[in-house]
Amino acid sequence: MREKEALKKLESYVLKTYGEHYAKNGLQAIDLIIANGYGIEHSMACVIKYASRLGKKEGADMEHDILKICHYGLLAMVALEKKEGAENGR
């Protein structure tokens, strides 16, 4: 799969998560975690968690788990941008 196709798949996955049961009014718990300054650490911990169990669970969907890993990587970037913006008065 080419990167452009993978990015489209990742975008679709991320946008879908905002319609799932743990998102209320377009707000996910991670939004609150980032707002309280723990976004980078939390997101990277999730990357480690999903990477360490990749393909090991019964009936594992490795592509889905990789999408989760990528999503949490993106969330870490969002948290970093927010943190740097706050430090620079943005």
PDB file of N, CA and C in Angstrom:
ATOM      1  N   MET A   1       0.852  -1.182   0.000  1.00  0.00           N
ATOM      2  CA  MET A   1       0.000   0.000   0.000  1.00  0.00           C
ATOM      3  C   MET A   1       0.893   1.240   0.000  1.00  0.00           C
ATOM      4  N   ARG A   2       0.572   2.135  -0.816  1.00  0.00           N
ATOM      5  CA  ARG A   2       1.318   3.385  -0.889  1.00  0.00           C
ATOM      6  C   ARG A   2       0.934   4.289   0.280  1.00  0.00           C
ATOM      7  N   GLU A   3       1.823   5.205   0.620  1.00  0.00           N
ATOM      8  CA  GLU A   3       1.606   6.087   1.761  1.00  0.00           C
ATOM      9  C   GLU A   3       0.344   6.932   1.618  1.00  0.00           C
ATOM     10  N   LYS A   4       0.065   7.420   0.419  1.00  0.00           N
ATOM     11  CA  LYS A   4      -1.119   8.255   0.218  1.00  0.00           C
ATOM     12  C   LYS A   4      -2.394   7.478   0.549  1.00  0.00           C
ATOM     13  N   GLU A   5      -2.452   6.228   0.135  1.00  0.00           N
ATOM     14  CA  GLU A   5      -3.607   5.381   0.450  1.00  0.00           C
ATOM     15  C   GLU A   5      -3.682   5.110   1.949  1.00  0.00           C
ATOM     16  N   ALA A   6      -2.542   4.888   2.557  1.00  0.00           N
ATOM     17  CA  ALA A   6      -2.502   4.644   4.001  1.00  0.00           C
ATOM     18  C   ALA A   6      -2.962   5.877   4.767  1.00  0.00           C
ATOM     19  N   LEU A   7      -2.560   7.053   4.312  1.00  0.00           N
ATOM     20  CA  LEU A   7      -2.997   8.290   4.970  1.00  0.00           C
ATOM     21  C   LEU A   7      -4.507   8.468   4.868  1.00  0.00           C
ATOM     22  N   LYS A   8      -5.076   8.124   3.732  1.00  0.00           N
ATOM     23  CA  LYS A   8      -6.533   8.208   3.565  1.00  0.00           C
ATOM     24  C   LYS A   8      -7.224   7.259   4.535  1.00  0.00           C
ATOM     25  N   LYS A   9      -6.674   6.050   4.662  1.00  0.00           N
ATOM     26  CA  LYS A   9      -7.244   5.065   5.581  1.00  0.00           C
ATOM     27  C   LYS A   9      -7.134   5.566   7.033  1.00  0.00           C
ATOM     28  N   LEU A  10      -5.997   6.169   7.368  1.00  0.00           N
ATOM     29  CA  LEU A  10      -5.810   6.708   8.718  1.00  0.00           C
ATOM     30  C   LEU A  10      -6.789   7.849   8.975  1.00  0.00           C
ATOM     31  N   GLU A  11      -6.929   8.730   7.996  1.00  0.00           N
ATOM     32  CA  GLU A  11      -7.872   9.848   8.157  1.00  0.00           C
ATOM     33  C   GLU A  11      -9.289   9.330   8.392  1.00  0.00           C
ATOM     34  N   SER A  12      -9.699   8.352   7.616  1.00  0.00           N
ATOM     35  CA  SER A  12     -11.029   7.771   7.773  1.00  0.00           C
ATOM     36  C   SER A  12     -11.198   7.156   9.160  1.00  0.00           C
ATOM     37  N   TYR A  13     -10.177   6.439   9.615  1.00  0.00           N
ATOM     38  CA  TYR A  13     -10.215   5.817  10.945  1.00  0.00           C
ATOM     39  C   TYR A  13     -10.347   6.875  12.040  1.00  0.00           C
ATOM     40  N   VAL A  14      -9.527   7.911  11.971  1.00  0.00           N
ATOM     41  CA  VAL A  14      -9.533   8.952  13.010  1.00  0.00           C
ATOM     42  C   VAL A  14     -10.887   9.661  13.052  1.00  0.00           C
ATOM     43  N   LEU A  15     -11.389  10.052  11.891  1.00  0.00           N
ATOM     44  CA  LEU A  15     -12.668  10.760  11.856  1.00  0.00           C
ATOM     45  C   LEU A  15     -13.805   9.884  12.373  1.00  0.00           C
ATOM     46  N   LYS A  16     -13.736   8.589  12.105  1.00  0.00           N
ATOM     47  CA  LYS A  16     -14.769   7.659  12.578  1.00  0.00           C
ATOM     48  C   LYS A  16     -14.799   7.577  14.104  1.00  0.00           C
ATOM     49  N   THR A  17     -13.644   7.733  14.747  1.00  0.00           N
ATOM     50  CA  THR A  17     -13.604   7.596  16.207  1.00  0.00           C
ATOM     51  C   THR A  17     -14.443   8.658  16.899  1.00  0.00           C
ATOM     52  N   TYR A  18     -14.639   9.795  16.251  1.00  0.00           N
ATOM     53  CA  TYR A  18     -15.437  10.851  16.872  1.00  0.00           C
ATOM     54  C   TYR A  18     -16.925  10.559  16.833  1.00  0.00           C
ATOM     55  N   GLY A  19     -17.329   9.510  16.135  1.00  0.00           N
ATOM     56  CA  GLY A  19     -18.725   9.110  16.118  1.00  0.00           C
ATOM     57  C   GLY A  19     -18.995   7.894  16.984  1.00  0.00           C
ATOM     58  N   GLU A  20     -17.974   7.372  17.621  1.00  0.00           N
ATOM     59  CA  GLU A  20     -18.137   6.168  18.425  1.00  0.00           C
ATOM     60  C   GLU A  20     -18.662   6.497  19.818  1.00  0.00           C
ATOM     61  N   HIS A  21     -18.990   5.459  20.552  1.00  0.00           N
ATOM     62  CA  HIS A  21     -19.672   5.609  21.834  1.00  0.00           C
ATOM     63  C   HIS A  21     -18.900   6.399  22.878  1.00  0.00           C
ATOM     64  N   TYR A  22     -17.577   6.427  22.816  1.00  0.00           N
ATOM     65  CA  TYR A  22     -16.814   7.134  23.836  1.00  0.00           C
ATOM     66  C   TYR A  22     -16.570   8.591  23.496  1.00  0.00           C
ATOM     67  N   ALA A  23     -17.127   9.046  22.400  1.00  0.00           N
ATOM     68  CA  ALA A  23     -17.034  10.461  22.041  1.00  0.00           C
ATOM     69  C   ALA A  23     -18.401  11.086  22.265  1.00  0.00           C
ATOM     70  N   LYS A  24     -18.448  12.138  23.024  1.00  0.00           N
ATOM     71  CA  LYS A  24     -19.714  12.801  23.307  1.00  0.00           C
ATOM     72  C   LYS A  24     -19.629  14.222  22.774  1.00  0.00           C
ATOM     73  N   ASN A  25     -20.540  14.570  21.897  1.00  0.00           N
ATOM     74  CA  ASN A  25     -20.561  15.901  21.286  1.00  0.00           C
ATOM     75  C   ASN A  25     -19.229  16.230  20.612  1.00  0.00           C
ATOM     76  N   GLY A  26     -18.609  15.215  20.005  1.00  0.00           N
ATOM     77  CA  GLY A  26     -17.341  15.433  19.308  1.00  0.00           C
ATOM     78  C   GLY A  26     -16.156  15.595  20.240  1.00  0.00           C
ATOM     79  N   LEU A  27     -16.334  15.369  21.532  1.00  0.00           N
ATOM     80  CA  LEU A  27     -15.256  15.505  22.514  1.00  0.00           C
ATOM     81  C   LEU A  27     -14.901  14.126  23.044  1.00  0.00           C
ATOM     82  N   GLN A  28     -13.623  13.803  22.986  1.00  0.00           N
ATOM     83  CA  GLN A  28     -13.151  12.539  23.526  1.00  0.00           C
ATOM     84  C   GLN A  28     -12.372  12.801  24.803  1.00  0.00           C
ATOM     85  N   ALA A  29     -12.200  11.756  25.575  1.00  0.00           N
ATOM     86  CA  ALA A  29     -11.434  11.878  26.817  1.00  0.00           C
ATOM     87  C   ALA A  29     -10.044  12.439  26.550  1.00  0.00           C
ATOM     88  N   ILE A  30      -9.442  12.064  25.427  1.00  0.00           N
ATOM     89  CA  ILE A  30      -8.097  12.558  25.113  1.00  0.00           C
ATOM     90  C   ILE A  30      -8.081  14.078  25.005  1.00  0.00           C
ATOM     91  N   ASP A  31      -9.178  14.672  24.560  1.00  0.00           N
ATOM     92  CA  ASP A  31      -9.239  16.131  24.479  1.00  0.00           C
ATOM     93  C   ASP A  31      -9.067  16.749  25.868  1.00  0.00           C
ATOM     94  N   LEU A  32      -9.680  16.137  26.863  1.00  0.00           N
ATOM     95  CA  LEU A  32      -9.543  16.626  28.243  1.00  0.00           C
ATOM     96  C   LEU A  32      -8.148  16.347  28.787  1.00  0.00           C
ATOM     97  N   ILE A  33      -7.602  15.190  28.423  1.00  0.00           N
ATOM     98  CA  ILE A  33      -6.246  14.836  28.865  1.00  0.00           C
ATOM     99  C   ILE A  33      -5.242  15.833  28.307  1.00  0.00           C
ATOM    100  N   ILE A  34      -5.370  16.167  27.024  1.00  0.00           N
ATOM    101  CA  ILE A  34      -4.476  17.151  26.400  1.00  0.00           C
ATOM    102  C   ILE A  34      -4.660  18.514  27.052  1.00  0.00           C
ATOM    103  N   ALA A  35      -5.901  18.913  27.278  1.00  0.00           N
ATOM    104  CA  ALA A  35      -6.191  20.221  27.877  1.00  0.00           C
ATOM    105  C   ALA A  35      -5.576  20.352  29.269  1.00  0.00           C
ATOM    106  N   ASN A  36      -5.400  19.228  29.950  1.00  0.00           N
ATOM    107  CA  ASN A  36      -4.829  19.255  31.299  1.00  0.00           C
ATOM    108  C   ASN A  36      -3.325  18.986  31.316  1.00  0.00           C
ATOM    109  N   GLY A  37      -2.696  18.944  30.133  1.00  0.00           N
ATOM    110  CA  GLY A  37      -1.243  18.868  30.066  1.00  0.00           C
ATOM    111  C   GLY A  37      -0.623  17.495  30.085  1.00  0.00           C
ATOM    112  N   TYR A  38      -1.423  16.447  29.935  1.00  0.00           N
ATOM    113  CA  TYR A  38      -0.890  15.089  29.982  1.00  0.00           C
ATOM    114  C   TYR A  38      -0.943  14.383  28.635  1.00  0.00           C
ATOM    115  N   GLY A  39      -1.216  15.120  27.582  1.00  0.00           N
ATOM    116  CA  GLY A  39      -1.466  14.522  26.283  1.00  0.00           C
ATOM    117  C   GLY A  39      -0.300  13.769  25.679  1.00  0.00           C
ATOM    118  N   ILE A  40       0.890  14.342  25.754  1.00  0.00           N
ATOM    119  CA  ILE A  40       2.050  13.685  25.141  1.00  0.00           C
ATOM    120  C   ILE A  40       2.329  12.360  25.848  1.00  0.00           C
ATOM    121  N   GLU A  41       2.405  12.393  27.149  1.00  0.00           N
ATOM    122  CA  GLU A  41       2.722  11.196  27.914  1.00  0.00           C
ATOM    123  C   GLU A  41       1.657  10.122  27.731  1.00  0.00           C
ATOM    124  N   HIS A  42       0.391  10.521  27.820  1.00  0.00           N
ATOM    125  CA  HIS A  42      -0.705   9.564  27.671  1.00  0.00           C
ATOM    126  C   HIS A  42      -0.693   8.940  26.271  1.00  0.00           C
ATOM    127  N   SER A  43      -0.558   9.775  25.268  1.00  0.00           N
ATOM    128  CA  SER A  43      -0.576   9.282  23.890  1.00  0.00           C
ATOM    129  C   SER A  43       0.581   8.335  23.619  1.00  0.00           C
ATOM    130  N   MET A  44       1.769   8.682  24.085  1.00  0.00           N
ATOM    131  CA  MET A  44       2.920   7.813  23.857  1.00  0.00           C
ATOM    132  C   MET A  44       2.798   6.511  24.647  1.00  0.00           C
ATOM    133  N   ALA A  45       2.186   6.560  25.820  1.00  0.00           N
ATOM    134  CA  ALA A  45       1.942   5.327  26.570  1.00  0.00           C
ATOM    135  C   ALA A  45       0.996   4.417  25.794  1.00  0.00           C
ATOM    136  N   CYS A  46       0.006   4.999  25.136  1.00  0.00           N
ATOM    137  CA  CYS A  46      -0.921   4.207  24.318  1.00  0.00           C
ATOM    138  C   CYS A  46      -0.213   3.624  23.110  1.00  0.00           C
ATOM    139  N   VAL A  47       0.705   4.370  22.504  1.00  0.00           N
ATOM    140  CA  VAL A  47       1.495   3.837  21.392  1.00  0.00           C
ATOM    141  C   VAL A  47       2.250   2.600  21.858  1.00  0.00           C
ATOM    142  N   ILE A  48       2.890   2.693  23.010  1.00  0.00           N
ATOM    143  CA  ILE A  48       3.654   1.563  23.548  1.00  0.00           C
ATOM    144  C   ILE A  48       2.728   0.382  23.831  1.00  0.00           C
ATOM    145  N   LYS A  49       1.577   0.660  24.426  1.00  0.00           N
ATOM    146  CA  LYS A  49       0.627  -0.403  24.761  1.00  0.00           C
ATOM    147  C   LYS A  49       0.172  -1.149  23.514  1.00  0.00           C
ATOM    148  N   TYR A  50      -0.299  -0.419  22.517  1.00  0.00           N
ATOM    149  CA  TYR A  50      -0.795  -1.077  21.311  1.00  0.00           C
ATOM    150  C   TYR A  50       0.319  -1.733  20.512  1.00  0.00           C
ATOM    151  N   ALA A  51       1.498  -1.132  20.491  1.00  0.00           N
ATOM    152  CA  ALA A  51       2.626  -1.731  19.764  1.00  0.00           C
ATOM    153  C   ALA A  51       3.077  -3.024  20.434  1.00  0.00           C
ATOM    154  N   SER A  52       3.061  -3.053  21.747  1.00  0.00           N
ATOM    155  CA  SER A  52       3.552  -4.236  22.457  1.00  0.00           C
ATOM    156  C   SER A  52       2.616  -5.432  22.328  1.00  0.00           C
ATOM    157  N   ARG A  53       1.352  -5.186  22.055  1.00  0.00           N
ATOM    158  CA  ARG A  53       0.420  -6.312  21.915  1.00  0.00           C
ATOM    159  C   ARG A  53      -0.022  -6.538  20.471  1.00  0.00           C
ATOM    160  N   LEU A  54       0.632  -5.905  19.535  1.00  0.00           N
ATOM    161  CA  LEU A  54       0.295  -6.003  18.119  1.00  0.00           C
ATOM    162  C   LEU A  54       0.279  -7.461  17.653  1.00  0.00           C
ATOM    163  N   GLY A  55      -0.870  -7.901  17.181  1.00  0.00           N
ATOM    164  CA  GLY A  55      -1.012  -9.246  16.652  1.00  0.00           C
ATOM    165  C   GLY A  55      -1.052 -10.362  17.677  1.00  0.00           C
ATOM    166  N   LYS A  56      -1.056 -10.034  18.947  1.00  0.00           N
ATOM    167  CA  LYS A  56      -0.991 -11.066  19.986  1.00  0.00           C
ATOM    168  C   LYS A  56      -2.354 -11.471  20.540  1.00  0.00           C
ATOM    169  N   LYS A  57      -3.367 -10.625  20.380  1.00  0.00           N
ATOM    170  CA  LYS A  57      -4.689 -10.947  20.922  1.00  0.00           C
ATOM    171  C   LYS A  57      -5.433 -11.892  19.983  1.00  0.00           C
ATOM    172  N   GLU A  58      -6.281 -12.716  20.562  1.00  0.00           N
ATOM    173  CA  GLU A  58      -7.115 -13.625  19.786  1.00  0.00           C
ATOM    174  C   GLU A  58      -7.928 -12.824  18.772  1.00  0.00           C
ATOM    175  N   GLY A  59      -7.881 -13.229  17.521  1.00  0.00           N
ATOM    176  CA  GLY A  59      -8.634 -12.540  16.471  1.00  0.00           C
ATOM    177  C   GLY A  59      -8.134 -11.143  16.164  1.00  0.00           C
ATOM    178  N   ALA A  60      -6.870 -10.897  16.458  1.00  0.00           N
ATOM    179  CA  ALA A  60      -6.306  -9.555  16.283  1.00  0.00           C
ATOM    180  C   ALA A  60      -6.411  -9.089  14.837  1.00  0.00           C
ATOM    181  N   ASP A  61      -6.739  -7.824  14.692  1.00  0.00           N
ATOM    182  CA  ASP A  61      -6.745  -7.169  13.389  1.00  0.00           C
ATOM    183  C   ASP A  61      -5.548  -6.224  13.400  1.00  0.00           C
ATOM    184  N   MET A  62      -4.433  -6.681  12.851  1.00  0.00           N
ATOM    185  CA  MET A  62      -3.195  -5.910  12.934  1.00  0.00           C
ATOM    186  C   MET A  62      -3.327  -4.546  12.273  1.00  0.00           C
ATOM    187  N   GLU A  63      -4.040  -4.470  11.170  1.00  0.00           N
ATOM    188  CA  GLU A  63      -4.209  -3.170  10.517  1.00  0.00           C
ATOM    189  C   GLU A  63      -4.930  -2.188  11.444  1.00  0.00           C
ATOM    190  N   HIS A  64      -5.971  -2.654  12.105  1.00  0.00           N
ATOM    191  CA  HIS A  64      -6.713  -1.800  13.041  1.00  0.00           C
ATOM    192  C   HIS A  64      -5.814  -1.328  14.182  1.00  0.00           C
ATOM    193  N   ASP A  65      -5.020  -2.250  14.716  1.00  0.00           N
ATOM    194  CA  ASP A  65      -4.112  -1.882  15.802  1.00  0.00           C
ATOM    195  C   ASP A  65      -3.047  -0.892  15.333  1.00  0.00           C
ATOM    196  N   ILE A  66      -2.554  -1.053  14.113  1.00  0.00           N
ATOM    197  CA  ILE A  66      -1.574  -0.101  13.576  1.00  0.00           C
ATOM    198  C   ILE A  66      -2.216   1.266  13.394  1.00  0.00           C
ATOM    199  N   LEU A  67      -3.475   1.290  12.953  1.00  0.00           N
ATOM    200  CA  LEU A  67      -4.191   2.569  12.845  1.00  0.00           C
ATOM    201  C   LEU A  67      -4.307   3.236  14.219  1.00  0.00           C
ATOM    202  N   LYS A  68      -4.561   2.453  15.256  1.00  0.00           N
ATOM    203  CA  LYS A  68      -4.620   3.004  16.619  1.00  0.00           C
ATOM    204  C   LYS A  68      -3.273   3.609  17.011  1.00  0.00           C
ATOM    205  N   ILE A  69      -2.204   2.889  16.721  1.00  0.00           N
ATOM    206  CA  ILE A  69      -0.861   3.377  17.043  1.00  0.00           C
ATOM    207  C   ILE A  69      -0.607   4.708  16.340  1.00  0.00           C
ATOM    208  N   CYS A  70      -0.930   4.762  15.064  1.00  0.00           N
ATOM    209  CA  CYS A  70      -0.737   6.006  14.295  1.00  0.00           C
ATOM    210  C   CYS A  70      -1.602   7.130  14.842  1.00  0.00           C
ATOM    211  N   HIS A  71      -2.847   6.799  15.206  1.00  0.00           N
ATOM    212  CA  HIS A  71      -3.753   7.810  15.754  1.00  0.00           C
ATOM    213  C   HIS A  71      -3.183   8.414  17.036  1.00  0.00           C
ATOM    214  N   TYR A  72      -2.681   7.563  17.918  1.00  0.00           N
ATOM    215  CA  TYR A  72      -2.099   8.083  19.159  1.00  0.00           C
ATOM    216  C   TYR A  72      -0.827   8.880  18.892  1.00  0.00           C
ATOM    217  N   GLY A  73      -0.073   8.517  17.859  1.00  0.00           N
ATOM    218  CA  GLY A  73       1.079   9.330  17.457  1.00  0.00           C
ATOM    219  C   GLY A  73       0.640  10.718  17.016  1.00  0.00           C
ATOM    220  N   LEU A  74      -0.442  10.773  16.240  1.00  0.00           N
ATOM    221  CA  LEU A  74      -0.997  12.071  15.833  1.00  0.00           C
ATOM    222  C   LEU A  74      -1.466  12.885  17.034  1.00  0.00           C
ATOM    223  N   LEU A  75      -2.098  12.206  17.977  1.00  0.00           N
ATOM    224  CA  LEU A  75      -2.569  12.904  19.176  1.00  0.00           C
ATOM    225  C   LEU A  75      -1.400  13.461  19.992  1.00  0.00           C
ATOM    226  N   ALA A  76      -0.286  12.739  20.009  1.00  0.00           N
ATOM    227  CA  ALA A  76       0.908  13.251  20.689  1.00  0.00           C
ATOM    228  C   ALA A  76       1.400  14.523  20.003  1.00  0.00           C
ATOM    229  N   MET A  77       1.337  14.547  18.658  1.00  0.00           N
ATOM    230  CA  MET A  77       1.738  15.755  17.928  1.00  0.00           C
ATOM    231  C   MET A  77       0.814  16.922  18.248  1.00  0.00           C
ATOM    232  N   VAL A  78      -0.486  16.657  18.325  1.00  0.00           N
ATOM    233  CA  VAL A  78      -1.456  17.697  18.674  1.00  0.00           C
ATOM    234  C   VAL A  78      -1.154  18.238  20.066  1.00  0.00           C
ATOM    235  N   ALA A  79      -0.883  17.329  20.994  1.00  0.00           N
ATOM    236  CA  ALA A  79      -0.576  17.744  22.366  1.00  0.00           C
ATOM    237  C   ALA A  79       0.708  18.572  22.406  1.00  0.00           C
ATOM    238  N   LEU A  80       1.710  18.185  21.633  1.00  0.00           N
ATOM    239  CA  LEU A  80       2.964  18.934  21.581  1.00  0.00           C
ATOM    240  C   LEU A  80       2.738  20.332  21.028  1.00  0.00           C
ATOM    241  N   GLU A  81       1.972  20.428  19.953  1.00  0.00           N
ATOM    242  CA  GLU A  81       1.669  21.746  19.371  1.00  0.00           C
ATOM    243  C   GLU A  81       0.937  22.625  20.372  1.00  0.00           C
ATOM    244  N   LYS A  82      -0.015  22.042  21.093  1.00  0.00           N
ATOM    245  CA  LYS A  82      -0.760  22.803  22.103  1.00  0.00           C
ATOM    246  C   LYS A  82       0.182  23.271  23.215  1.00  0.00           C
ATOM    247  N   LYS A  83       1.061  22.384  23.669  1.00  0.00           N
ATOM    248  CA  LYS A  83       2.003  22.716  24.731  1.00  0.00           C
ATOM    249  C   LYS A  83       2.954  23.812  24.269  1.00  0.00           C
ATOM    250  N   GLU A  84       3.510  23.669  23.075  1.00  0.00           N
ATOM    251  CA  GLU A  84       4.436  24.679  22.559  1.00  0.00           C
ATOM    252  C   GLU A  84       3.729  26.008  22.331  1.00  0.00           C
ATOM    253  N   GLY A  85       2.480  25.953  21.878  1.00  0.00           N
ATOM    254  CA  GLY A  85       1.697  27.173  21.689  1.00  0.00           C
ATOM    255  C   GLY A  85       1.456  27.894  23.008  1.00  0.00           C
ATOM    256  N   ALA A  86       1.165  27.132  24.064  1.00  0.00           N
ATOM    257  CA  ALA A  86       0.924  27.716  25.384  1.00  0.00           C
ATOM    258  C   ALA A  86       2.215  28.342  25.925  1.00  0.00           C
ATOM    259  N   GLU A  87       3.334  27.657  25.692  1.00  0.00           N
ATOM    260  CA  GLU A  87       4.617  28.176  26.178  1.00  0.00           C
ATOM    261  C   GLU A  87       5.032  29.440  25.439  1.00  0.00           C
ATOM    262  N   ASN A  88       4.576  29.576  24.200  1.00  0.00           N
ATOM    263  CA  ASN A  88       4.939  30.751  23.391  1.00  0.00           C
ATOM    264  C   ASN A  88       3.821  31.790  23.347  1.00  0.00           C
ATOM    265  N   GLY A  89       2.816  31.620  24.186  1.00  0.00           N
ATOM    266  CA  GLY A  89       1.745  32.599  24.271  1.00  0.00           C
ATOM    267  C   GLY A  89       0.770  32.553  23.113  1.00  0.00           C
ATOM    268  N   ARG A  90       0.705  31.428  22.412  1.00  0.00           N
ATOM    269  CA  ARG A  90      -0.233  31.291  21.289  1.00  0.00           C
ATOM    270  C   ARG A  90      -1.488  30.591  21.715  1.00  0.00           C
TER     271      ARG A  90
END
